[in-house]
Protein backbone atom coordinates (compact mmCIF):
# COMPACT_ATOMS: atom_id res chain seq x y z
CA MET A 1 -7.95 2.17 -6.05
CA VAL A 2 -7.63 5.77 -7.76
CA GLU A 3 -10.34 7.21 -9.56
CA MET A 4 -8.98 10.62 -11.19
CA ARG A 5 -12.65 12.10 -12.72
CA ASP A 6 -12.85 14.97 -15.05
CA ILE A 7 -9.66 16.46 -14.43
CA SER A 8 -8.32 20.07 -16.01
CA ILE A 9 -5.06 21.96 -15.53
CA SER A 10 -4.69 25.01 -17.00
CA PHE A 11 -1.31 27.12 -17.39
CA GLY A 12 -1.48 30.56 -17.98
CA GLY A 13 -4.71 30.29 -20.02
CA ILE A 14 -3.56 26.80 -21.88
CA LYS A 15 -5.17 23.23 -21.01
CA ALA A 16 -2.17 21.15 -20.05
CA VAL A 17 -4.90 18.78 -19.36
CA ASP A 18 -8.53 18.59 -20.15
CA ASN A 19 -11.14 17.08 -18.65
CA VAL A 20 -9.37 13.42 -17.94
CA THR A 21 -10.62 10.40 -16.43
CA VAL A 22 -8.52 7.72 -15.02
CA ASP A 23 -8.75 5.31 -12.40
CA LEU A 24 -6.53 2.83 -11.01
CA TYR A 25 -6.97 -0.72 -9.03
CA PRO A 26 -4.88 -2.91 -6.65
CA GLY A 27 -2.28 -5.09 -8.14
CA GLU A 28 -1.99 -3.45 -11.44
CA VAL A 29 0.23 -1.47 -13.42
CA VAL A 30 -1.51 1.38 -15.62
CA GLY A 31 0.71 2.93 -18.64
CA LEU A 32 0.31 6.83 -19.44
CA LEU A 33 1.58 7.66 -22.63
CA GLY A 34 1.81 10.82 -25.38
CA HIS A 35 3.92 12.62 -26.83
CA ASN A 36 6.23 15.37 -24.74
CA GLY A 37 3.82 17.68 -24.01
CA ALA A 38 0.47 15.69 -24.18
CA GLY A 39 -0.26 16.13 -20.70
CA LYS A 40 0.50 12.85 -19.22
CA SER A 41 2.99 14.04 -16.73
CA THR A 42 0.97 17.14 -15.50
CA LEU A 43 -2.00 14.78 -15.12
CA ILE A 44 -0.12 12.64 -12.35
CA LYS A 45 1.61 15.60 -10.70
CA CYS A 46 -1.56 16.30 -9.96
CA LEU A 47 -2.16 12.58 -7.96
CA SER A 48 1.56 13.70 -6.29
CA GLY A 49 0.58 16.78 -4.88
CA ALA A 50 3.12 18.81 -7.45
CA TYR A 51 0.39 20.68 -9.17
CA GLN A 52 -3.26 21.66 -8.05
CA LYS A 53 -6.00 20.80 -10.24
CA ASP A 54 -8.17 23.37 -11.54
CA ALA A 55 -11.55 21.35 -12.02
CA GLY A 56 -12.39 17.42 -11.34
CA GLU A 57 -12.04 15.24 -7.87
CA ILE A 58 -9.71 12.65 -6.79
CA LEU A 59 -10.99 9.44 -5.27
CA ILE A 60 -9.00 7.35 -3.05
CA ASN A 61 -10.22 4.08 -2.17
CA GLY A 62 -14.02 5.57 -2.86
CA GLU A 63 -13.33 8.47 -0.88
CA ARG A 64 -13.39 11.99 -2.33
CA VAL A 65 -9.51 13.65 -1.19
CA ASP A 66 -7.75 16.89 -1.47
CA ILE A 67 -4.37 16.74 -2.33
CA ASN A 68 -2.53 20.25 -2.75
CA ASN A 69 0.99 19.21 -1.82
CA PRO A 70 3.02 16.11 -1.76
CA ARG A 71 2.51 15.86 1.97
CA ASP A 72 -1.24 15.13 0.98
CA ALA A 73 0.14 12.41 -1.07
CA ARG A 74 1.88 10.54 1.23
CA ALA A 75 -0.95 10.79 3.99
CA GLN A 76 -2.87 9.03 1.34
CA ASN A 77 0.09 6.08 0.54
CA ILE A 78 1.09 7.78 -2.57
CA GLU A 79 4.49 7.69 -3.45
CA THR A 80 6.49 8.63 -6.47
CA ILE A 81 9.68 7.61 -8.07
CA TYR A 82 11.12 10.39 -10.27
CA GLN A 83 13.37 9.64 -12.99
CA THR A 84 16.37 11.58 -10.92
CA LEU A 85 15.75 8.85 -7.80
CA ALA A 86 16.11 11.49 -5.53
CA LEU A 87 19.12 9.46 -3.75
CA ALA A 88 22.16 11.12 -1.70
CA ASP A 89 24.96 9.70 -3.62
CA ASN A 90 27.27 9.94 -0.64
CA LEU A 91 25.36 7.45 1.82
CA ASP A 92 24.85 4.05 1.79
CA ALA A 93 21.29 2.41 1.11
CA ALA A 94 20.09 2.23 4.68
CA SER A 95 21.05 6.01 5.21
CA ASN A 96 18.96 6.73 2.03
CA LEU A 97 15.96 4.48 2.73
CA PHE A 98 15.73 6.26 6.00
CA LEU A 99 16.47 10.01 5.10
CA GLY A 100 14.67 12.55 7.01
CA ARG A 101 12.98 9.47 8.80
CA GLU A 102 16.18 8.12 11.03
CA ILE A 103 15.65 5.51 13.94
CA VAL A 104 16.93 7.23 16.70
CA GLY A 105 18.00 4.79 19.60
CA PRO A 106 17.24 5.67 23.73
CA SER A 107 20.58 7.84 23.76
CA GLY A 108 19.53 10.30 20.78
CA PHE A 109 22.35 9.01 18.53
CA LEU A 110 21.42 7.02 15.05
CA ASP A 111 20.60 3.47 15.41
CA GLU A 112 22.35 2.31 12.44
CA SER A 113 22.11 -1.19 13.08
CA ALA A 114 18.50 -1.17 13.40
CA MET A 115 18.35 0.94 10.01
CA GLU A 116 20.57 -1.57 8.25
CA ALA A 117 18.61 -4.40 9.68
CA GLU A 118 15.23 -3.26 8.41
CA THR A 119 17.01 -2.11 4.89
CA ARG A 120 17.88 -5.90 4.48
CA LYS A 121 14.35 -7.13 5.99
CA ILE A 122 12.39 -5.04 2.40
CA MET A 123 14.83 -5.72 0.28
CA ALA A 124 14.77 -9.61 0.73
CA ARG A 125 11.28 -9.41 0.02
CA LEU A 126 12.16 -7.17 -3.20
CA ASN A 127 15.76 -7.35 -4.82
CA PRO A 128 16.91 -10.46 -2.85
CA ASN A 129 19.99 -10.61 -5.10
CA PHE A 130 20.59 -7.09 -3.43
CA ARG A 131 23.83 -7.36 -1.43
CA LYS A 132 25.41 -3.84 -1.60
CA PHE A 133 24.65 -2.40 1.59
CA ASN A 134 27.25 -0.85 2.98
CA VAL A 135 29.16 1.33 0.04
CA PRO A 136 27.53 4.60 -1.41
CA VAL A 137 24.46 4.35 -3.96
CA SER A 138 26.76 5.75 -6.55
CA ALA A 139 28.92 2.81 -6.79
CA LEU A 140 24.97 1.10 -7.67
CA SER A 141 24.12 -0.26 -10.77
CA GLY A 142 21.21 1.86 -12.11
CA GLY A 143 18.67 -1.12 -11.23
CA GLN A 144 20.23 -1.54 -8.04
CA ARG A 145 19.59 2.29 -7.47
CA GLN A 146 15.78 1.77 -8.51
CA SER A 147 15.76 -0.70 -5.97
CA VAL A 148 16.63 1.31 -3.18
CA ALA A 149 14.29 4.26 -4.10
CA ILE A 150 11.47 1.90 -4.54
CA ALA A 151 12.19 -0.12 -1.31
CA ARG A 152 11.93 3.44 0.65
CA ALA A 153 8.43 4.28 -0.74
CA VAL A 154 7.30 0.69 -0.10
CA TYR A 155 9.37 0.81 3.31
CA PHE A 156 6.62 3.93 4.20
CA ASN A 157 3.72 2.06 2.90
CA ALA A 158 3.17 3.27 -0.25
CA LYS A 159 0.08 1.76 -1.82
CA ILE A 160 0.00 3.84 -5.12
CA LEU A 161 3.34 4.34 -6.74
CA ILE A 162 3.79 6.98 -9.55
CA MET A 163 6.96 6.25 -11.45
CA ASP A 164 8.47 8.11 -13.92
CA GLU A 165 10.35 6.38 -16.81
CA PRO A 166 12.03 3.82 -14.39
CA THR A 167 13.81 2.16 -17.01
CA ALA A 168 15.05 4.86 -19.38
CA ALA A 169 19.07 4.77 -19.42
CA LEU A 170 19.10 1.09 -18.01
CA GLY A 171 20.70 -1.68 -20.19
CA PRO A 172 18.61 -5.01 -21.17
CA GLN A 173 19.66 -6.83 -17.59
CA GLU A 174 19.26 -3.74 -15.17
CA THR A 175 15.41 -3.07 -17.59
CA GLN A 176 14.70 -7.14 -16.44
CA MET A 177 15.48 -5.82 -13.14
CA VAL A 178 13.53 -3.37 -12.72
CA ALA A 179 10.73 -5.39 -14.38
CA GLU A 180 11.04 -8.37 -11.67
CA LEU A 181 10.60 -5.35 -9.18
CA ILE A 182 7.22 -4.17 -10.57
CA GLN A 183 6.29 -7.63 -10.72
CA GLU A 184 6.82 -8.15 -7.22
CA LEU A 185 5.37 -5.19 -6.19
CA LYS A 186 2.09 -6.09 -8.06
CA LYS A 187 1.94 -9.52 -6.42
CA GLN A 188 2.06 -7.24 -2.98
CA GLY A 189 -1.23 -5.74 -4.27
CA LEU A 190 0.22 -2.11 -4.85
CA GLY A 191 -1.25 -0.27 -7.89
CA ILE A 192 1.31 1.55 -10.57
CA PHE A 193 1.00 4.42 -12.73
CA LEU A 194 4.28 4.10 -14.97
CA ILE A 195 4.78 7.08 -17.49
CA GLU A 196 6.16 5.64 -20.35
CA HIS A 197 7.74 6.37 -23.96
CA ASP A 198 8.59 2.96 -24.79
CA ILE A 199 5.74 1.08 -26.04
CA HIS A 200 7.47 -2.22 -25.81
CA ASN A 201 8.07 -1.58 -22.05
CA VAL A 202 4.48 -0.88 -22.02
CA MET A 203 3.94 -4.12 -23.22
CA LYS A 204 5.99 -6.01 -20.96
CA LEU A 205 5.15 -3.98 -17.92
CA CYS A 206 1.42 -2.88 -17.99
CA ASP A 207 -2.38 -4.04 -17.90
CA ARG A 208 -3.70 -1.52 -19.12
CA ALA A 209 -2.53 1.53 -21.34
CA VAL A 210 -3.82 5.46 -21.13
CA VAL A 211 -2.87 7.21 -23.97
CA MET A 212 -3.07 11.24 -23.91
CA LYS A 213 -2.51 13.74 -26.78
CA ASN A 214 -2.90 17.43 -26.85
CA GLY A 215 -4.13 17.47 -22.84
CA GLN A 216 -7.18 14.92 -23.67
CA ARG A 217 -7.48 11.53 -23.34
CA VAL A 218 -7.59 9.65 -26.45
CA GLY A 219 -8.06 6.04 -24.87
CA THR A 220 -7.55 3.06 -22.48
CA VAL A 221 -6.93 -0.15 -23.24
CA ASN A 222 -5.86 -3.40 -22.06
CA VAL A 223 -2.60 -4.26 -23.09
CA ASN A 224 -2.92 -7.99 -24.08
CA GLU A 225 -6.13 -6.71 -26.49
CA VAL A 226 -3.97 -4.82 -28.81
CA THR A 227 -0.89 -4.25 -30.76
CA ASP A 228 2.00 -2.02 -30.67
CA ASP A 229 0.88 -0.11 -33.70
CA ASP A 230 -2.41 0.39 -32.09
CA ILE A 231 -0.90 2.28 -29.86
CA LEU A 232 1.03 4.28 -32.12
CA GLY A 233 -1.62 5.03 -34.04
CA MET A 234 -3.41 6.64 -30.81
CA ILE A 235 -0.10 8.33 -29.94
CA ILE A 236 0.88 10.02 -33.01
CA MET A 237 -2.81 10.10 -34.72
CA GLY A 238 -5.53 10.30 -32.00
CA LYS A 239 -6.85 6.95 -33.55
CA LYS A 240 -8.80 5.20 -30.90
CA PRO A 241 -8.76 1.38 -31.85
CA ALA A 242 -11.98 -0.58 -31.56
CA LYS A 243 -10.88 -2.00 -27.95
CA ALA A 244 -10.67 1.30 -26.57
CA ALA A 245 -12.32 2.71 -23.41
């Protein structure tokens, strides 16, 4: 689905990302790990359109594409769910789902019942236990808010999802809810890049892990072939296990 080849990005002469290659397949979760400043967020912001690369190329489904801004990314069915979720706290789930892309009836007024019906439909697919359709999202739990943000991305045809620490600040039950959402998205054939600090989450949620250090890729591993300690060694010492690519 995605090939980012030999990507480099510099800020004021400092190479934040130095010649990094990563890829992503349908129905796969690839974790991006590394210390703060390792370059993982900078690399992925190049895919989301927040930053522009200085060198390298991006291929989507085998075709080279130019992504210069978030609109270009959306045109390639790439959606980003940031840690802040970018939800309007005073609005309900349906209003957030269609924020900026509202359904308008023939009379020119918002068709709120149509928006709620569509929201119920997508939520039934993603999180059947979601019930709080008529309350502001500020009244929802962290996991439920994640559900709304994910539903918004999926409803508007995301095929490639970038998730920035989706379980940060969530309790065990909420974390499990997000894990189930990710499994459901995988079943539907989406490819997911997961920016993570927590190795346990990577071991639980990801198929492969890419470790970065000082702007460079240390290696890529199949999560089921390595241990927590192998990944820790990659992060701290830049040491590649035998099975890393």
